[in-house]
Amino acid sequence: MKTKQLRALQAFRRVEAWFTEHPEVIPASGTSAQALTNQVTALTQVITRMTAQSTAQATSTGQATLAAKDETTQRTTLRTQHMKAIASVANALHGQVPGIGVIKMPDRHLRSETLVAAAEALAQAASVYKDVFVEHGLPADFLDQLTSATSALKASVDARGVARSTRKGATTSLASDLDLGRRIVWMIDASLTHALANDPVTLASWRQVKRVTLTAVVPRTSSTTSSSSTAAPATSGAAPVTTGAAPLTLVESAAPSATAPATHGAATTTVAPEAAAA
């Protein structure tokens, strides 16, 4: 299921839950009550189908993948263990047994469906020389083994095709039900817009729940962090101003210290003649 479809399905489920939590809405909608009941029922059916289709889509995708892996194994087994053994003996007897030289290995790049047809043709040609092949070392049931390996590959191809078909059907049905579900919600919204005209709180609740959010909501913490980061340079820029004020403070505090030695000097020079004459 695509993200768009998943978000829509989640919205449909919220709508269904909203009506369960607000059972009074439909009876209070007047003449629209019956239509609303039918629409909610139809939406429930859409939800059920979309859920089942989503499961089928995921399951068939897994089955197709497993079938593809099994198909690769079956191709290898058919070619290397069965067809190649027959073709090798036929090639060794070429020129000794008339007509046996026509039995050859098919191209290795054949599609699985074509390889199945080639294996069936090889089995038919080898059956003419069955006794010759057994006489030269192949098991008595080599043709039965070849047929069994061919059938296994064919079954794997068919399983892959069925899985892909199921997935395609589920995908198409999902798209159809998605469109139907949206239309139902639109009609419900039209009815509730009139029915809840005098109940703005419930109407606001309805409008919120019916929304299909296609992108993730950015948490508010991101904007808070961004604001803090933006304000940080301003705080750092203010630091030099505070630091620059420090020398001014030191100058002011140094003034009394400069006065103290002058006072001390005056005390010690009171006996000097120049000072007395002054």
C-alpha atoms as a PDB file:
ATOM      1  CA  MET A   1       0.000   0.000   0.000  1.00  0.00           C
ATOM      2  CA  LYS A   2       1.300   3.423  -0.954  1.00  0.00           C
ATOM      3  CA  THR A   3       1.799   6.109   1.693  1.00  0.00           C
ATOM      4  CA  LYS A   4      -1.033   8.192   0.232  1.00  0.00           C
ATOM      5  CA  GLN A   5      -3.443   5.264   0.465  1.00  0.00           C
ATOM      6  CA  LEU A   6      -2.289   4.384   3.978  1.00  0.00           C
ATOM      7  CA  ARG A   7      -2.842   7.929   5.248  1.00  0.00           C
ATOM      8  CA  ALA A   8      -6.316   7.994   3.682  1.00  0.00           C
ATOM      9  CA  LEU A   9      -7.210   4.672   5.304  1.00  0.00           C
ATOM     10  CA  GLN A  10      -6.073   6.019   8.675  1.00  0.00           C
ATOM     11  CA  ALA A  11      -8.312   9.073   8.164  1.00  0.00           C
ATOM     12  CA  PHE A  12     -11.279   6.827   7.333  1.00  0.00           C
ATOM     13  CA  ARG A  13     -10.691   4.881  10.536  1.00  0.00           C
ATOM     14  CA  ARG A  14     -10.570   8.102  12.537  1.00  0.00           C
ATOM     15  CA  VAL A  15     -13.914   9.141  11.054  1.00  0.00           C
ATOM     16  CA  GLU A  16     -15.418   5.789  12.007  1.00  0.00           C
ATOM     17  CA  ALA A  17     -14.059   6.118  15.554  1.00  0.00           C
ATOM     18  CA  TRP A  18     -15.320   9.713  15.788  1.00  0.00           C
ATOM     19  CA  PHE A  19     -18.912   8.636  15.157  1.00  0.00           C
ATOM     20  CA  THR A  20     -18.500   5.923  17.806  1.00  0.00           C
ATOM     21  CA  GLU A  21     -17.337   8.568  20.302  1.00  0.00           C
ATOM     22  CA  HIS A  22     -20.151  10.967  19.284  1.00  0.00           C
ATOM     23  CA  PRO A  23     -23.276   8.750  19.067  1.00  0.00           C
ATOM     24  CA  GLU A  24     -25.522  11.755  19.597  1.00  0.00           C
ATOM     25  CA  VAL A  25     -24.536  13.411  16.320  1.00  0.00           C
ATOM     26  CA  ILE A  26     -26.552  11.273  13.909  1.00  0.00           C
ATOM     27  CA  PRO A  27     -29.857  11.309  15.859  1.00  0.00           C
ATOM     28  CA  ALA A  28     -29.527  15.088  16.249  1.00  0.00           C
ATOM     29  CA  SER A  29     -28.976  15.666  12.527  1.00  0.00           C
ATOM     30  CA  GLY A  30     -32.677  15.715  11.730  1.00  0.00           C
ATOM     31  CA  THR A  31     -33.647  14.676   8.219  1.00  0.00           C
ATOM     32  CA  SER A  32     -30.018  13.831   7.428  1.00  0.00           C
ATOM     33  CA  ALA A  33     -29.902  11.056  10.035  1.00  0.00           C
ATOM     34  CA  GLN A  34     -30.742   8.193   7.687  1.00  0.00           C
ATOM     35  CA  ALA A  35     -28.349   9.388   5.010  1.00  0.00           C
ATOM     36  CA  LEU A  36     -25.566   9.762   7.573  1.00  0.00           C
ATOM     37  CA  THR A  37     -26.228   6.265   8.889  1.00  0.00           C
ATOM     38  CA  ASN A  38     -25.957   4.807   5.383  1.00  0.00           C
ATOM     39  CA  GLN A  39     -22.812   6.779   4.647  1.00  0.00           C
ATOM     40  CA  VAL A  40     -21.064   5.694   7.838  1.00  0.00           C
ATOM     41  CA  THR A  41     -22.018   2.071   7.106  1.00  0.00           C
ATOM     42  CA  ALA A  42     -20.648   2.377   3.571  1.00  0.00           C
ATOM     43  CA  LEU A  43     -17.425   3.883   4.915  1.00  0.00           C
ATOM     44  CA  THR A  44     -17.047   0.971   7.340  1.00  0.00           C
ATOM     45  CA  GLN A  45     -17.339  -1.430   4.406  1.00  0.00           C
ATOM     46  CA  VAL A  46     -14.685   0.535   2.499  1.00  0.00           C
ATOM     47  CA  ILE A  47     -12.351   0.308   5.517  1.00  0.00           C
ATOM     48  CA  THR A  48     -12.885  -3.454   5.751  1.00  0.00           C
ATOM     49  CA  ARG A  49     -12.159  -3.984   2.060  1.00  0.00           C
ATOM     50  CA  MET A  50      -9.100  -1.720   2.018  1.00  0.00           C
ATOM     51  CA  THR A  51      -7.649  -3.518   5.039  1.00  0.00           C
ATOM     52  CA  ALA A  52      -8.159  -6.913   3.386  1.00  0.00           C
ATOM     53  CA  GLN A  53      -6.735  -5.678   0.091  1.00  0.00           C
ATOM     54  CA  SER A  54      -3.686  -4.261   1.816  1.00  0.00           C
ATOM     55  CA  THR A  55      -3.045  -7.647   3.423  1.00  0.00           C
ATOM     56  CA  ALA A  56      -3.555  -9.436   0.108  1.00  0.00           C
ATOM     57  CA  GLN A  57      -1.207  -7.015  -1.619  1.00  0.00           C
ATOM     58  CA  ALA A  58       1.564  -7.607   0.918  1.00  0.00           C
ATOM     59  CA  THR A  59       1.016 -11.380   0.926  1.00  0.00           C
ATOM     60  CA  SER A  60       1.044 -11.695  -2.854  1.00  0.00           C
ATOM     61  CA  THR A  61       4.203  -9.597  -3.058  1.00  0.00           C
ATOM     62  CA  GLY A  62       5.922 -12.013  -0.693  1.00  0.00           C
ATOM     63  CA  GLN A  63       4.606 -15.018  -2.605  1.00  0.00           C
ATOM     64  CA  ALA A  64       5.836 -13.576  -5.899  1.00  0.00           C
ATOM     65  CA  THR A  65       9.289 -13.063  -4.403  1.00  0.00           C
ATOM     66  CA  LEU A  66       9.423 -16.626  -3.056  1.00  0.00           C
ATOM     67  CA  ALA A  67       8.173 -18.007  -6.368  1.00  0.00           C
ATOM     68  CA  ALA A  68      10.882 -16.101  -8.229  1.00  0.00           C
ATOM     69  CA  LYS A  69      13.585 -17.533  -5.947  1.00  0.00           C
ATOM     70  CA  ASP A  70      12.154 -21.037  -6.312  1.00  0.00           C
ATOM     71  CA  GLU A  71      11.965 -20.546 -10.071  1.00  0.00           C
ATOM     72  CA  THR A  72      15.702 -19.838 -10.223  1.00  0.00           C
ATOM     73  CA  THR A  73      16.422 -23.060  -8.334  1.00  0.00           C
ATOM     74  CA  GLN A  74      14.089 -25.070 -10.552  1.00  0.00           C
ATOM     75  CA  ARG A  75      15.707 -23.684 -13.717  1.00  0.00           C
ATOM     76  CA  THR A  76      19.161 -24.694 -12.504  1.00  0.00           C
ATOM     77  CA  THR A  77      17.999 -28.178 -11.542  1.00  0.00           C
ATOM     78  CA  LEU A  78      16.239 -28.764 -14.846  1.00  0.00           C
ATOM     79  CA  ARG A  79      19.136 -27.608 -16.987  1.00  0.00           C
ATOM     80  CA  THR A  80      22.168 -28.998 -15.145  1.00  0.00           C
ATOM     81  CA  GLN A  81      20.853 -32.249 -13.670  1.00  0.00           C
ATOM     82  CA  HIS A  82      18.509 -33.444 -16.393  1.00  0.00           C
ATOM     83  CA  MET A  83      18.683 -31.720 -19.761  1.00  0.00           C
ATOM     84  CA  LYS A  84      22.471 -31.390 -19.783  1.00  0.00           C
ATOM     85  CA  ALA A  85      22.987 -35.098 -18.984  1.00  0.00           C
ATOM     86  CA  ILE A  86      20.808 -36.135 -21.909  1.00  0.00           C
ATOM     87  CA  ALA A  87      22.396 -33.645 -24.296  1.00  0.00           C
ATOM     88  CA  SER A  88      25.926 -34.734 -23.261  1.00  0.00           C
ATOM     89  CA  VAL A  89      25.244 -38.386 -24.043  1.00  0.00           C
ATOM     90  CA  ALA A  90      23.585 -37.427 -27.338  1.00  0.00           C
ATOM     91  CA  ASN A  91      26.605 -35.314 -28.287  1.00  0.00           C
ATOM     92  CA  ALA A  92      28.979 -38.161 -27.436  1.00  0.00           C
ATOM     93  CA  LEU A  93      27.000 -40.560 -29.653  1.00  0.00           C
ATOM     94  CA  HIS A  94      26.741 -38.081 -32.515  1.00  0.00           C
ATOM     95  CA  GLY A  95      27.748 -39.854 -35.723  1.00  0.00           C
ATOM     96  CA  GLN A  96      27.331 -43.291 -34.152  1.00  0.00           C
ATOM     97  CA  VAL A  97      23.572 -43.316 -33.581  1.00  0.00           C
ATOM     98  CA  PRO A  98      21.667 -41.893 -36.551  1.00  0.00           C
ATOM     99  CA  GLY A  99      19.541 -38.855 -35.721  1.00  0.00           C
ATOM    100  CA  ILE A 100      20.577 -38.569 -32.065  1.00  0.00           C
ATOM    101  CA  GLY A 101      22.642 -35.480 -32.813  1.00  0.00           C
ATOM    102  CA  VAL A 102      19.493 -33.335 -33.032  1.00  0.00           C
ATOM    103  CA  ILE A 103      19.217 -33.526 -29.230  1.00  0.00           C
ATOM    104  CA  LYS A 104      21.023 -30.414 -27.957  1.00  0.00           C
ATOM    105  CA  MET A 105      20.934 -28.013 -25.050  1.00  0.00           C
ATOM    106  CA  PRO A 106      18.756 -24.922 -25.599  1.00  0.00           C
ATOM    107  CA  ASP A 107      20.078 -21.409 -25.146  1.00  0.00           C
ATOM    108  CA  ARG A 108      20.804 -20.647 -21.494  1.00  0.00           C
ATOM    109  CA  HIS A 109      19.104 -17.254 -21.657  1.00  0.00           C
ATOM    110  CA  LEU A 110      15.637 -18.581 -22.488  1.00  0.00           C
ATOM    111  CA  ARG A 111      12.758 -17.334 -20.390  1.00  0.00           C
ATOM    112  CA  SER A 112      11.356 -19.897 -17.979  1.00  0.00           C
ATOM    113  CA  GLU A 113       8.192 -20.402 -20.014  1.00  0.00           C
ATOM    114  CA  THR A 114      10.261 -21.069 -23.157  1.00  0.00           C
ATOM    115  CA  LEU A 115      12.633 -23.343 -21.222  1.00  0.00           C
ATOM    116  CA  VAL A 116       9.679 -25.454 -20.139  1.00  0.00           C
ATOM    117  CA  ALA A 117       8.642 -25.886 -23.771  1.00  0.00           C
ATOM    118  CA  ALA A 118      12.245 -26.744 -24.745  1.00  0.00           C
ATOM    119  CA  ALA A 119      12.447 -29.380 -21.981  1.00  0.00           C
ATOM    120  CA  GLU A 120       9.201 -30.969 -23.133  1.00  0.00           C
ATOM    121  CA  ALA A 121      10.495 -31.101 -26.724  1.00  0.00           C
ATOM    122  CA  LEU A 122      13.792 -32.608 -25.551  1.00  0.00           C
ATOM    123  CA  ALA A 123      11.920 -35.287 -23.572  1.00  0.00           C
ATOM    124  CA  GLN A 124       9.899 -36.195 -26.635  1.00  0.00           C
ATOM    125  CA  ALA A 125      13.014 -36.474 -28.813  1.00  0.00           C
ATOM    126  CA  ALA A 126      14.927 -38.476 -26.176  1.00  0.00           C
ATOM    127  CA  SER A 127      12.099 -40.961 -25.752  1.00  0.00           C
ATOM    128  CA  VAL A 128      12.906 -42.329 -29.234  1.00  0.00           C
ATOM    129  CA  TYR A 129      16.387 -43.262 -27.984  1.00  0.00           C
ATOM    130  CA  LYS A 130      15.456 -44.224 -24.437  1.00  0.00           C
ATOM    131  CA  ASP A 131      17.167 -47.626 -24.550  1.00  0.00           C
ATOM    132  CA  VAL A 132      20.316 -46.090 -26.044  1.00  0.00           C
ATOM    133  CA  PHE A 133      20.545 -43.522 -23.229  1.00  0.00           C
ATOM    134  CA  VAL A 134      19.987 -46.166 -20.540  1.00  0.00           C
ATOM    135  CA  GLU A 135      22.587 -48.402 -22.189  1.00  0.00           C
ATOM    136  CA  HIS A 136      25.117 -45.568 -21.985  1.00  0.00           C
ATOM    137  CA  GLY A 137      24.639 -44.782 -18.299  1.00  0.00           C
ATOM    138  CA  LEU A 138      21.488 -42.769 -17.727  1.00  0.00           C
ATOM    139  CA  PRO A 139      19.037 -44.128 -15.104  1.00  0.00           C
ATOM    140  CA  ALA A 140      16.098 -46.143 -16.373  1.00  0.00           C
ATOM    141  CA  ASP A 141      13.671 -43.440 -15.219  1.00  0.00           C
ATOM    142  CA  PHE A 142      15.642 -40.487 -16.647  1.00  0.00           C
ATOM    143  CA  LEU A 143      12.652 -39.403 -18.736  1.00  0.00           C
ATOM    144  CA  ASP A 144      10.366 -39.465 -15.685  1.00  0.00           C
ATOM    145  CA  GLN A 145      12.885 -37.362 -13.768  1.00  0.00           C
ATOM    146  CA  LEU A 146      13.058 -34.877 -16.634  1.00  0.00           C
ATOM    147  CA  THR A 147       9.266 -34.636 -16.772  1.00  0.00           C
ATOM    148  CA  SER A 148       9.076 -34.123 -13.004  1.00  0.00           C
ATOM    149  CA  ALA A 149      11.686 -31.331 -13.074  1.00  0.00           C
ATOM    150  CA  THR A 150       9.878 -29.678 -15.989  1.00  0.00           C
ATOM    151  CA  SER A 151       6.576 -29.787 -14.104  1.00  0.00           C
ATOM    152  CA  ALA A 152       8.210 -28.257 -11.022  1.00  0.00           C
ATOM    153  CA  LEU A 153       9.517 -25.304 -13.027  1.00  0.00           C
ATOM    154  CA  LYS A 154       6.163 -24.863 -14.716  1.00  0.00           C
ATOM    155  CA  ALA A 155       4.401 -24.830 -11.325  1.00  0.00           C
ATOM    156  CA  SER A 156       6.835 -22.196 -10.067  1.00  0.00           C
ATOM    157  CA  VAL A 157       6.172 -20.011 -13.114  1.00  0.00           C
ATOM    158  CA  ASP A 158       2.423 -20.394 -12.654  1.00  0.00           C
ATOM    159  CA  ALA A 159       2.674 -19.519  -8.935  1.00  0.00           C
ATOM    160  CA  ARG A 160       4.574 -16.347  -9.751  1.00  0.00           C
ATOM    161  CA  GLY A 161       1.940 -15.397 -12.305  1.00  0.00           C
ATOM    162  CA  VAL A 162      -0.923 -16.000  -9.868  1.00  0.00           C
ATOM    163  CA  ALA A 163       0.806 -13.949  -7.152  1.00  0.00           C
ATOM    164  CA  ARG A 164       1.366 -11.040  -9.521  1.00  0.00           C
ATOM    165  CA  SER A 165      -2.223 -11.220 -10.703  1.00  0.00           C
ATOM    166  CA  THR A 166      -3.493 -11.158  -7.113  1.00  0.00           C
ATOM    167  CA  ARG A 167      -1.282  -8.187  -6.278  1.00  0.00           C
ATOM    168  CA  LYS A 168      -2.481  -6.312  -9.356  1.00  0.00           C
ATOM    169  CA  GLY A 169      -6.116  -6.943  -8.451  1.00  0.00           C
ATOM    170  CA  ALA A 170      -5.567  -5.763  -4.868  1.00  0.00           C
ATOM    171  CA  THR A 171      -3.787  -2.630  -6.068  1.00  0.00           C
ATOM    172  CA  THR A 172      -6.601  -1.761  -8.475  1.00  0.00           C
ATOM    173  CA  SER A 173      -9.256  -2.387  -5.842  1.00  0.00           C
ATOM    174  CA  LEU A 174      -7.393  -0.221  -3.312  1.00  0.00           C
ATOM    175  CA  ALA A 175      -7.377   2.707  -5.713  1.00  0.00           C
ATOM    176  CA  SER A 176     -11.101   2.284  -6.389  1.00  0.00           C
ATOM    177  CA  ASP A 177     -12.056   2.080  -2.697  1.00  0.00           C
ATOM    178  CA  LEU A 178      -9.814   5.027  -1.872  1.00  0.00           C
ATOM    179  CA  ASP A 179     -11.777   7.183  -4.296  1.00  0.00           C
ATOM    180  CA  LEU A 180     -15.105   5.877  -2.961  1.00  0.00           C
ATOM    181  CA  GLY A 181     -14.080   6.517   0.636  1.00  0.00           C
ATOM    182  CA  ARG A 182     -13.148  10.108  -0.131  1.00  0.00           C
ATOM    183  CA  ARG A 183     -16.507  10.738  -1.779  1.00  0.00           C
ATOM    184  CA  ILE A 184     -18.337   9.307   1.218  1.00  0.00           C
ATOM    185  CA  VAL A 185     -16.392  11.557   3.598  1.00  0.00           C
ATOM    186  CA  TRP A 186     -17.231  14.563   1.415  1.00  0.00           C
ATOM    187  CA  MET A 187     -20.939  13.768   1.652  1.00  0.00           C
ATOM    188  CA  ILE A 188     -20.730  13.243   5.418  1.00  0.00           C
ATOM    189  CA  ASP A 189     -18.960  16.579   5.736  1.00  0.00           C
ATOM    190  CA  ALA A 190     -21.694  18.332   3.767  1.00  0.00           C
ATOM    191  CA  SER A 191     -24.357  16.911   6.075  1.00  0.00           C
ATOM    192  CA  LEU A 192     -22.499  17.708   9.298  1.00  0.00           C
ATOM    193  CA  THR A 193     -21.721  21.265   8.203  1.00  0.00           C
ATOM    194  CA  HIS A 194     -25.461  21.972   8.400  1.00  0.00           C
ATOM    195  CA  ALA A 195     -26.278  19.663  11.313  1.00  0.00           C
ATOM    196  CA  LEU A 196     -23.548  21.082  13.576  1.00  0.00           C
ATOM    197  CA  ALA A 197     -23.901  24.723  12.588  1.00  0.00           C
ATOM    198  CA  ASN A 198     -24.926  25.609  16.167  1.00  0.00           C
ATOM    199  CA  ASP A 199     -22.274  23.402  17.786  1.00  0.00           C
ATOM    200  CA  PRO A 200     -18.908  24.918  16.796  1.00  0.00           C
ATOM    201  CA  VAL A 201     -16.922  22.749  19.214  1.00  0.00           C
ATOM    202  CA  THR A 202     -18.155  19.458  17.778  1.00  0.00           C
ATOM    203  CA  LEU A 203     -17.923  20.827  14.244  1.00  0.00           C
ATOM    204  CA  ALA A 204     -14.292  21.808  14.801  1.00  0.00           C
ATOM    205  CA  SER A 205     -13.611  18.333  16.169  1.00  0.00           C
ATOM    206  CA  TRP A 206     -15.174  16.788  13.056  1.00  0.00           C
ATOM    207  CA  ARG A 207     -13.190  18.951  10.667  1.00  0.00           C
ATOM    208  CA  GLN A 208      -9.975  18.011  12.390  1.00  0.00           C
ATOM    209  CA  VAL A 209     -10.629  14.284  12.373  1.00  0.00           C
ATOM    210  CA  LYS A 210     -11.589  14.085   8.685  1.00  0.00           C
ATOM    211  CA  ARG A 211      -8.305  15.602   7.492  1.00  0.00           C
ATOM    212  CA  VAL A 212      -5.900  13.396   5.553  1.00  0.00           C
ATOM    213  CA  THR A 213      -2.345  14.301   6.513  1.00  0.00           C
ATOM    214  CA  LEU A 214      -0.054  13.472   3.606  1.00  0.00           C
ATOM    215  CA  THR A 215       3.171  14.770   5.153  1.00  0.00           C
ATOM    216  CA  ALA A 216       4.616  14.337   8.592  1.00  0.00           C
ATOM    217  CA  VAL A 217       4.060  17.144  11.078  1.00  0.00           C
ATOM    218  CA  VAL A 218       7.247  18.931  12.155  1.00  0.00           C
ATOM    219  CA  PRO A 219       7.568  18.806  15.975  1.00  0.00           C
ATOM    220  CA  ARG A 220       7.430  22.134  17.777  1.00  0.00           C
ATOM    221  CA  THR A 221      10.729  21.346  19.477  1.00  0.00           C
ATOM    222  CA  SER A 222      12.444  21.923  16.161  1.00  0.00           C
ATOM    223  CA  SER A 223      11.311  25.554  15.986  1.00  0.00           C
ATOM    224  CA  THR A 224      12.250  26.070  19.629  1.00  0.00           C
ATOM    225  CA  THR A 225      15.710  24.689  19.017  1.00  0.00           C
ATOM    226  CA  SER A 226      16.050  26.837  15.923  1.00  0.00           C
ATOM    227  CA  SER A 227      15.090  29.965  17.876  1.00  0.00           C
ATOM    228  CA  SER A 228      17.612  29.138  20.573  1.00  0.00           C
ATOM    229  CA  SER A 229      20.304  28.615  17.985  1.00  0.00           C
ATOM    230  CA  THR A 230      19.458  31.940  16.320  1.00  0.00           C
ATOM    231  CA  ALA A 231      19.592  33.814  19.633  1.00  0.00           C
ATOM    232  CA  ALA A 232      22.941  32.297  20.615  1.00  0.00           C
ATOM    233  CA  PRO A 233      25.111  34.575  18.450  1.00  0.00           C
ATOM    234  CA  ALA A 234      23.486  37.670  20.013  1.00  0.00           C
ATOM    235  CA  THR A 235      24.452  36.454  23.501  1.00  0.00           C
ATOM    236  CA  SER A 236      27.964  35.659  22.344  1.00  0.00           C
ATOM    237  CA  GLY A 237      28.200  39.071  20.689  1.00  0.00           C
ATOM    238  CA  ALA A 238      27.312  40.793  23.973  1.00  0.00           C
ATOM    239  CA  ALA A 239      30.203  39.134  25.815  1.00  0.00           C
ATOM    240  CA  PRO A 240      32.916  41.449  24.433  1.00  0.00           C
ATOM    241  CA  VAL A 241      30.938  44.475  25.668  1.00  0.00           C
ATOM    242  CA  THR A 242      30.955  43.124  29.221  1.00  0.00           C
ATOM    243  CA  THR A 243      34.624  42.193  28.965  1.00  0.00           C
ATOM    244  CA  GLY A 244      35.444  45.592  27.485  1.00  0.00           C
ATOM    245  CA  ALA A 245      33.940  47.294  30.550  1.00  0.00           C
ATOM    246  CA  ALA A 246      36.390  45.534  32.867  1.00  0.00           C
ATOM    247  CA  PRO A 247      39.364  47.924  32.246  1.00  0.00           C
ATOM    248  CA  LEU A 248      37.116  50.880  33.074  1.00  0.00           C
ATOM    249  CA  THR A 249      36.270  49.326  36.417  1.00  0.00           C
ATOM    250  CA  LEU A 250      39.914  48.688  37.132  1.00  0.00           C
ATOM    251  CA  VAL A 251      40.789  52.326  36.380  1.00  0.00           C
ATOM    252  CA  GLU A 252      38.109  53.547  38.768  1.00  0.00           C
ATOM    253  CA  SER A 253      39.255  51.202  41.506  1.00  0.00           C
ATOM    254  CA  ALA A 254      42.837  52.220  40.965  1.00  0.00           C
ATOM    255  CA  ALA A 255      42.147  55.918  41.747  1.00  0.00           C
ATOM    256  CA  PRO A 256      42.008  55.468  45.548  1.00  0.00           C
ATOM    257  CA  SER A 257      45.237  53.468  45.411  1.00  0.00           C
ATOM    258  CA  ALA A 258      46.942  56.360  43.621  1.00  0.00           C
ATOM    259  CA  THR A 259      45.774  58.740  46.355  1.00  0.00           C
ATOM    260  CA  ALA A 260      47.022  56.536  49.163  1.00  0.00           C
ATOM    261  CA  PRO A 261      50.729  56.824  48.238  1.00  0.00           C
ATOM    262  CA  ALA A 262      50.293  60.626  47.869  1.00  0.00           C
ATOM    263  CA  THR A 263      48.900  60.853  51.390  1.00  0.00           C
ATOM    264  CA  HIS A 264      51.665  58.648  52.715  1.00  0.00           C
ATOM    265  CA  GLY A 265      54.199  60.775  50.896  1.00  0.00           C
ATOM    266  CA  ALA A 266      52.819  63.932  52.528  1.00  0.00           C
ATOM    267  CA  ALA A 267      53.140  62.393  55.947  1.00  0.00           C
ATOM    268  CA  THR A 268      56.777  61.528  55.493  1.00  0.00           C
ATOM    269  CA  THR A 269      57.833  64.871  53.937  1.00  0.00           C
ATOM    270  CA  THR A 270      56.431  67.282  56.563  1.00  0.00           C
ATOM    271  CA  VAL A 271      59.966  68.104  57.769  1.00  0.00           C
ATOM    272  CA  ALA A 272      61.274  69.053  54.326  1.00  0.00           C
ATOM    273  CA  PRO A 273      62.111  72.765  53.982  1.00  0.00           C
ATOM    274  CA  GLU A 274      60.274  73.184  50.738  1.00  0.00           C
ATOM    275  CA  ALA A 275      57.168  71.793  52.309  1.00  0.00           C
ATOM    276  CA  ALA A 276      57.519  74.090  55.362  1.00  0.00           C
ATOM    277  CA  ALA A 277      58.012  77.154  53.194  1.00  0.00           C
ATOM    278  CA  ALA A 278      54.808  76.266  51.335  1.00  0.00           C
END
